[in-house]
C-alpha atoms as a PDB file:
ATOM      1  CA  MET A   1      15.619  10.843  -8.762  1.00  0.00           C
ATOM      2  CA  LYS A   2      14.921   9.648  -5.254  1.00  0.00           C
ATOM      3  CA  ASN A   3      14.219  12.403  -2.735  1.00  0.00           C
ATOM      4  CA  LYS A   4      17.013  11.915  -0.176  1.00  0.00           C
ATOM      5  CA  THR A   5      15.410  14.348   2.296  1.00  0.00           C
ATOM      6  CA  VAL A   6      12.451  12.061   2.994  1.00  0.00           C
ATOM      7  CA  ILE A   7      12.881   9.431   5.681  1.00  0.00           C
ATOM      8  CA  ALA A   8      11.970   6.029   4.255  1.00  0.00           C
ATOM      9  CA  SER A   9       9.054   4.249   5.851  1.00  0.00           C
ATOM     10  CA  ASP A  10       6.905   1.244   5.084  1.00  0.00           C
ATOM     11  CA  ASP A  11       3.889   2.801   6.816  1.00  0.00           C
ATOM     12  CA  TRP A  12       2.234   4.851   4.086  1.00  0.00           C
ATOM     13  CA  LEU A  13      -1.506   4.744   4.718  1.00  0.00           C
ATOM     14  CA  THR A  14      -4.051   5.029   1.941  1.00  0.00           C
ATOM     15  CA  PRO A  15      -6.203   8.140   2.417  1.00  0.00           C
ATOM     16  CA  ILE A  16      -9.728   7.099   3.391  1.00  0.00           C
ATOM     17  CA  VAL A  17     -11.387   9.017   0.541  1.00  0.00           C
ATOM     18  CA  PHE A  18      -9.194   7.238  -2.020  1.00  0.00           C
ATOM     19  CA  TYR A  19      -9.851   3.844  -0.374  1.00  0.00           C
ATOM     20  CA  ARG A  20     -13.619   4.456  -0.315  1.00  0.00           C
ATOM     21  CA  SER A  21     -13.651   5.188  -4.050  1.00  0.00           C
ATOM     22  CA  LEU A  22     -11.885   1.879  -4.706  1.00  0.00           C
ATOM     23  CA  ASN A  23     -14.156   0.067  -2.259  1.00  0.00           C
ATOM     24  CA  ARG A  24     -17.296   1.319  -4.044  1.00  0.00           C
ATOM     25  CA  ARG A  25     -15.986  -0.307  -7.200  1.00  0.00           C
ATOM     26  CA  PHE A  26     -14.467  -3.524  -5.833  1.00  0.00           C
ATOM     27  CA  LYS A  27     -16.520  -4.118  -2.632  1.00  0.00           C
ATOM     28  CA  PHE A  28     -13.599  -5.326  -0.520  1.00  0.00           C
ATOM     29  CA  ASP A  29     -14.023  -7.718   2.375  1.00  0.00           C
ATOM     30  CA  ASP A  30     -13.019  -6.442   5.821  1.00  0.00           C
ATOM     31  CA  PHE A  31      -9.395  -7.605   5.859  1.00  0.00           C
ATOM     32  CA  ASP A  32      -6.063  -5.797   5.709  1.00  0.00           C
ATOM     33  CA  PRO A  33      -2.994  -7.927   4.925  1.00  0.00           C
ATOM     34  CA  CYS A  34      -0.785  -4.904   5.718  1.00  0.00           C
ATOM     35  CA  PRO A  35      -2.226  -3.156   8.786  1.00  0.00           C
ATOM     36  CA  PRO A  36      -0.477   0.100   9.727  1.00  0.00           C
ATOM     37  CA  CYS A  37       2.350   0.014  12.294  1.00  0.00           C
ATOM     38  CA  ASN A  38       2.010  -3.770  12.394  1.00  0.00           C
ATOM     39  CA  ASN A  39       4.261  -5.997  14.485  1.00  0.00           C
ATOM     40  CA  ILE A  40       5.168  -8.859  12.150  1.00  0.00           C
ATOM     41  CA  GLU A  41       5.329 -11.292  15.095  1.00  0.00           C
ATOM     42  CA  ASP A  42       1.647 -10.588  15.806  1.00  0.00           C
ATOM     43  CA  PHE A  43       0.387 -10.806  12.217  1.00  0.00           C
ATOM     44  CA  ASP A  44       2.046 -11.556   8.886  1.00  0.00           C
ATOM     45  CA  GLY A  45      -0.183 -10.943   5.866  1.00  0.00           C
ATOM     46  CA  LEU A  46       2.075 -13.112   3.737  1.00  0.00           C
ATOM     47  CA  ASP A  47       1.491 -16.205   5.894  1.00  0.00           C
ATOM     48  CA  VAL A  48      -2.319 -16.210   5.908  1.00  0.00           C
ATOM     49  CA  ASP A  49      -4.990 -16.883   3.311  1.00  0.00           C
ATOM     50  CA  TRP A  50      -6.535 -13.690   2.026  1.00  0.00           C
ATOM     51  CA  VAL A  51     -10.276 -13.158   1.813  1.00  0.00           C
ATOM     52  CA  ASP A  52     -12.187 -13.205  -1.479  1.00  0.00           C
ATOM     53  CA  ARG A  53     -11.861  -9.469  -2.201  1.00  0.00           C
ATOM     54  CA  THR A  54      -8.700  -7.923  -0.741  1.00  0.00           C
ATOM     55  CA  PHE A  55      -7.275  -4.424  -0.948  1.00  0.00           C
ATOM     56  CA  CYS A  56      -3.570  -4.191  -0.185  1.00  0.00           C
ATOM     57  CA  ASN A  57      -1.323  -1.150   0.132  1.00  0.00           C
ATOM     58  CA  PRO A  58       1.887  -3.131   0.659  1.00  0.00           C
ATOM     59  CA  PRO A  59       5.090  -1.838   2.207  1.00  0.00           C
ATOM     60  CA  TYR A  60       7.100   0.005  -0.419  1.00  0.00           C
ATOM     61  CA  SER A  61      10.489  -1.482   0.439  1.00  0.00           C
ATOM     62  CA  GLN A  62      11.510  -3.599  -2.545  1.00  0.00           C
ATOM     63  CA  TYR A  63      11.583  -7.042  -0.912  1.00  0.00           C
ATOM     64  CA  LEU A  64       8.269  -6.665   0.928  1.00  0.00           C
ATOM     65  CA  LYS A  65       6.504  -5.032  -2.021  1.00  0.00           C
ATOM     66  CA  GLU A  66       7.596  -7.869  -4.301  1.00  0.00           C
ATOM     67  CA  SER A  67       6.546 -10.462  -1.708  1.00  0.00           C
ATOM     68  CA  PHE A  68       3.034  -9.006  -1.573  1.00  0.00           C
ATOM     69  CA  ILE A  69       2.843  -8.908  -5.380  1.00  0.00           C
ATOM     70  CA  HIS A  70       3.715 -12.633  -5.438  1.00  0.00           C
ATOM     71  CA  LYS A  71       1.107 -13.286  -2.715  1.00  0.00           C
ATOM     72  CA  ALA A  72      -1.591 -11.368  -4.620  1.00  0.00           C
ATOM     73  CA  LEU A  73      -0.877 -13.425  -7.729  1.00  0.00           C
ATOM     74  CA  GLN A  74      -1.069 -16.671  -5.688  1.00  0.00           C
ATOM     75  CA  GLU A  75      -4.400 -15.610  -4.191  1.00  0.00           C
ATOM     76  CA  SER A  76      -5.787 -14.768  -7.656  1.00  0.00           C
ATOM     77  CA  HIS A  77      -4.944 -18.331  -8.761  1.00  0.00           C
ATOM     78  CA  LYS A  78      -7.327 -19.457  -5.986  1.00  0.00           C
ATOM     79  CA  GLY A  79     -10.131 -17.438  -7.611  1.00  0.00           C
ATOM     80  CA  LYS A  80      -9.773 -14.405  -5.336  1.00  0.00           C
ATOM     81  CA  LEU A  81      -9.526 -10.718  -6.214  1.00  0.00           C
ATOM     82  CA  ALA A  82      -6.478  -8.811  -4.949  1.00  0.00           C
ATOM     83  CA  VAL A  83      -6.124  -5.102  -5.646  1.00  0.00           C
ATOM     84  CA  LEU A  84      -2.765  -3.509  -4.857  1.00  0.00           C
ATOM     85  CA  LEU A  85      -1.829   0.151  -4.646  1.00  0.00           C
ATOM     86  CA  ILE A  86       1.866   0.328  -5.471  1.00  0.00           C
ATOM     87  CA  PRO A  87       4.365   2.849  -6.827  1.00  0.00           C
ATOM     88  CA  VAL A  88       4.725   3.026 -10.583  1.00  0.00           C
ATOM     89  CA  SER A  89       7.807   1.067 -11.612  1.00  0.00           C
ATOM     90  CA  THR A  90       7.302  -0.090 -15.178  1.00  0.00           C
ATOM     91  CA  SER A  91      10.991  -0.720 -15.874  1.00  0.00           C
ATOM     92  CA  THR A  92      11.392  -3.457 -13.254  1.00  0.00           C
ATOM     93  CA  SER A  93      11.533  -7.168 -13.967  1.00  0.00           C
ATOM     94  CA  ILE A  94       8.674  -7.861 -11.537  1.00  0.00           C
ATOM     95  CA  PHE A  95       6.459  -5.527 -13.565  1.00  0.00           C
ATOM     96  CA  HIS A  96       7.251  -7.342 -16.813  1.00  0.00           C
ATOM     97  CA  LYS A  97       7.319 -10.899 -15.420  1.00  0.00           C
ATOM     98  CA  LEU A  98       4.473 -10.876 -12.877  1.00  0.00           C
ATOM     99  CA  ILE A  99       2.282  -7.815 -13.170  1.00  0.00           C
ATOM    100  CA  LEU A 100       1.930  -7.143 -16.899  1.00  0.00           C
ATOM    101  CA  PRO A 101       1.076 -10.727 -17.970  1.00  0.00           C
ATOM    102  CA  ASN A 102      -1.194 -11.483 -14.970  1.00  0.00           C
ATOM    103  CA  ALA A 103      -2.948  -8.317 -13.893  1.00  0.00           C
ATOM    104  CA  LYS A 104      -4.837  -5.291 -15.066  1.00  0.00           C
ATOM    105  CA  VAL A 105      -2.900  -2.069 -14.419  1.00  0.00           C
ATOM    106  CA  GLU A 106      -4.496   1.343 -13.937  1.00  0.00           C
ATOM    107  CA  PHE A 107      -2.380   4.434 -13.400  1.00  0.00           C
ATOM    108  CA  VAL A 108      -3.569   6.924 -10.788  1.00  0.00           C
ATOM    109  CA  LYS A 109      -4.004  10.445 -12.123  1.00  0.00           C
ATOM    110  CA  GLY A 110      -1.929  12.746  -9.935  1.00  0.00           C
ATOM    111  CA  ARG A 111      -0.206  11.686  -6.736  1.00  0.00           C
ATOM    112  CA  VAL A 112      -1.886   9.914  -3.846  1.00  0.00           C
ATOM    113  CA  LYS A 113      -1.484  11.983  -0.684  1.00  0.00           C
ATOM    114  CA  PHE A 114      -0.615   9.239   1.779  1.00  0.00           C
ATOM    115  CA  GLU A 115      -0.903   9.694   5.545  1.00  0.00           C
ATOM    116  CA  GLY A 116       1.915   9.133   8.029  1.00  0.00           C
ATOM    117  CA  ILE A 117       3.869  10.418  10.997  1.00  0.00           C
ATOM    118  CA  ASP A 118       5.979  13.538  10.587  1.00  0.00           C
ATOM    119  CA  LYS A 119       9.271  14.393  12.262  1.00  0.00           C
ATOM    120  CA  SER A 120       7.495  15.863  15.310  1.00  0.00           C
ATOM    121  CA  GLY A 121       5.537  12.667  15.976  1.00  0.00           C
ATOM    122  CA  ASN A 122       2.265  14.083  14.658  1.00  0.00           C
ATOM    123  CA  TRP A 123      -0.074  12.226  12.364  1.00  0.00           C
ATOM    124  CA  VAL A 124      -0.236  14.003   9.019  1.00  0.00           C
ATOM    125  CA  ASN A 125      -3.493  13.779   7.142  1.00  0.00           C
ATOM    126  CA  PRO A 126      -3.707  15.758   3.903  1.00  0.00           C
ATOM    127  CA  ARG A 127      -7.333  16.742   4.589  1.00  0.00           C
ATOM    128  CA  THR A 128      -7.227  17.532   8.310  1.00  0.00           C
ATOM    129  CA  GLY A 129      -3.633  18.601   8.883  1.00  0.00           C
ATOM    130  CA  ARG A 130      -1.675  17.498  11.935  1.00  0.00           C
ATOM    131  CA  ILE A 131      -3.208  15.556  14.784  1.00  0.00           C
ATOM    132  CA  PRO A 132      -1.036  14.680  17.825  1.00  0.00           C
ATOM    133  CA  LEU A 133      -0.782  10.960  18.530  1.00  0.00           C
ATOM    134  CA  PRO A 134      -0.279   9.693  22.082  1.00  0.00           C
ATOM    135  CA  ASN A 135       2.522   7.235  22.817  1.00  0.00           C
ATOM    136  CA  VAL A 136       4.358   7.589  19.510  1.00  0.00           C
ATOM    137  CA  PRO A 137       7.521   5.455  19.791  1.00  0.00           C
ATOM    138  CA  ASP A 138      10.895   7.050  19.138  1.00  0.00           C
ATOM    139  CA  ASP A 139      11.424   4.840  16.089  1.00  0.00           C
ATOM    140  CA  ALA A 140       8.012   5.624  14.564  1.00  0.00           C
ATOM    141  CA  PRO A 141       7.998   6.070  10.786  1.00  0.00           C
ATOM    142  CA  GLU A 142       8.434   9.666   9.725  1.00  0.00           C
ATOM    143  CA  ILE A 143       7.597  11.614   6.597  1.00  0.00           C
ATOM    144  CA  SER A 144       8.241  15.217   5.742  1.00  0.00           C
ATOM    145  CA  ARG A 145       5.539  15.292   3.071  1.00  0.00           C
ATOM    146  CA  SER A 146       3.348  12.772   1.322  1.00  0.00           C
ATOM    147  CA  GLY A 147       2.800  11.803  -2.288  1.00  0.00           C
ATOM    148  CA  GLN A 148       6.447  11.270  -3.287  1.00  0.00           C
ATOM    149  CA  THR A 149       5.816   8.815  -6.147  1.00  0.00           C
ATOM    150  CA  ASP A 150       3.267   8.123  -8.837  1.00  0.00           C
ATOM    151  CA  SER A 151       0.984   5.197  -8.035  1.00  0.00           C
ATOM    152  CA  MET A 152      -0.768   2.455  -9.908  1.00  0.00           C
ATOM    153  CA  ILE A 153      -3.632   0.115  -9.120  1.00  0.00           C
ATOM    154  CA  VAL A 154      -2.789  -3.509  -9.917  1.00  0.00           C
ATOM    155  CA  ILE A 155      -5.772  -5.846 -10.154  1.00  0.00           C
ATOM    156  CA  PHE A 156      -5.144  -9.587  -9.855  1.00  0.00           C
ATOM    157  CA  GLY A 157      -8.238 -11.715 -10.503  1.00  0.00           C
ATOM    158  CA  GLU A 158     -11.678 -10.975 -11.858  1.00  0.00           C
ATOM    159  CA  GLU A 159     -13.607  -7.875 -10.841  1.00  0.00           C
END
């Protein structure tokens, strides 16, 4: 059941320790198709070519998540590696039509403790606690706690 007390946000940042463990394995290029708190008019990761080895923690809203899954598949057809960190959703049509036949799926043991902005406008980091951020806009994404869903690693292309 969806937790109705959590404010939905598309800015769920991958904890650096988790990212570094993936980076040791996949050796990602320095490129983020989904930078945090991004203004889509400044940069749209769906409208650019990705680098050879891309890590992507896409927005979790259904339309954007599916758009980045399609993009990762397109990039893999160009011979590139795209690794996505997405919520587990094995009953969806996109899982059965795009992910399962075209990618390697690895389930994350436990829940990823994502980072974000809490209701007081503080940055929440599971390892360091709360750190005040200057100039946080009123409409900044908010979370009351992290790690709300199980996650999976989806690997499009050859390692």
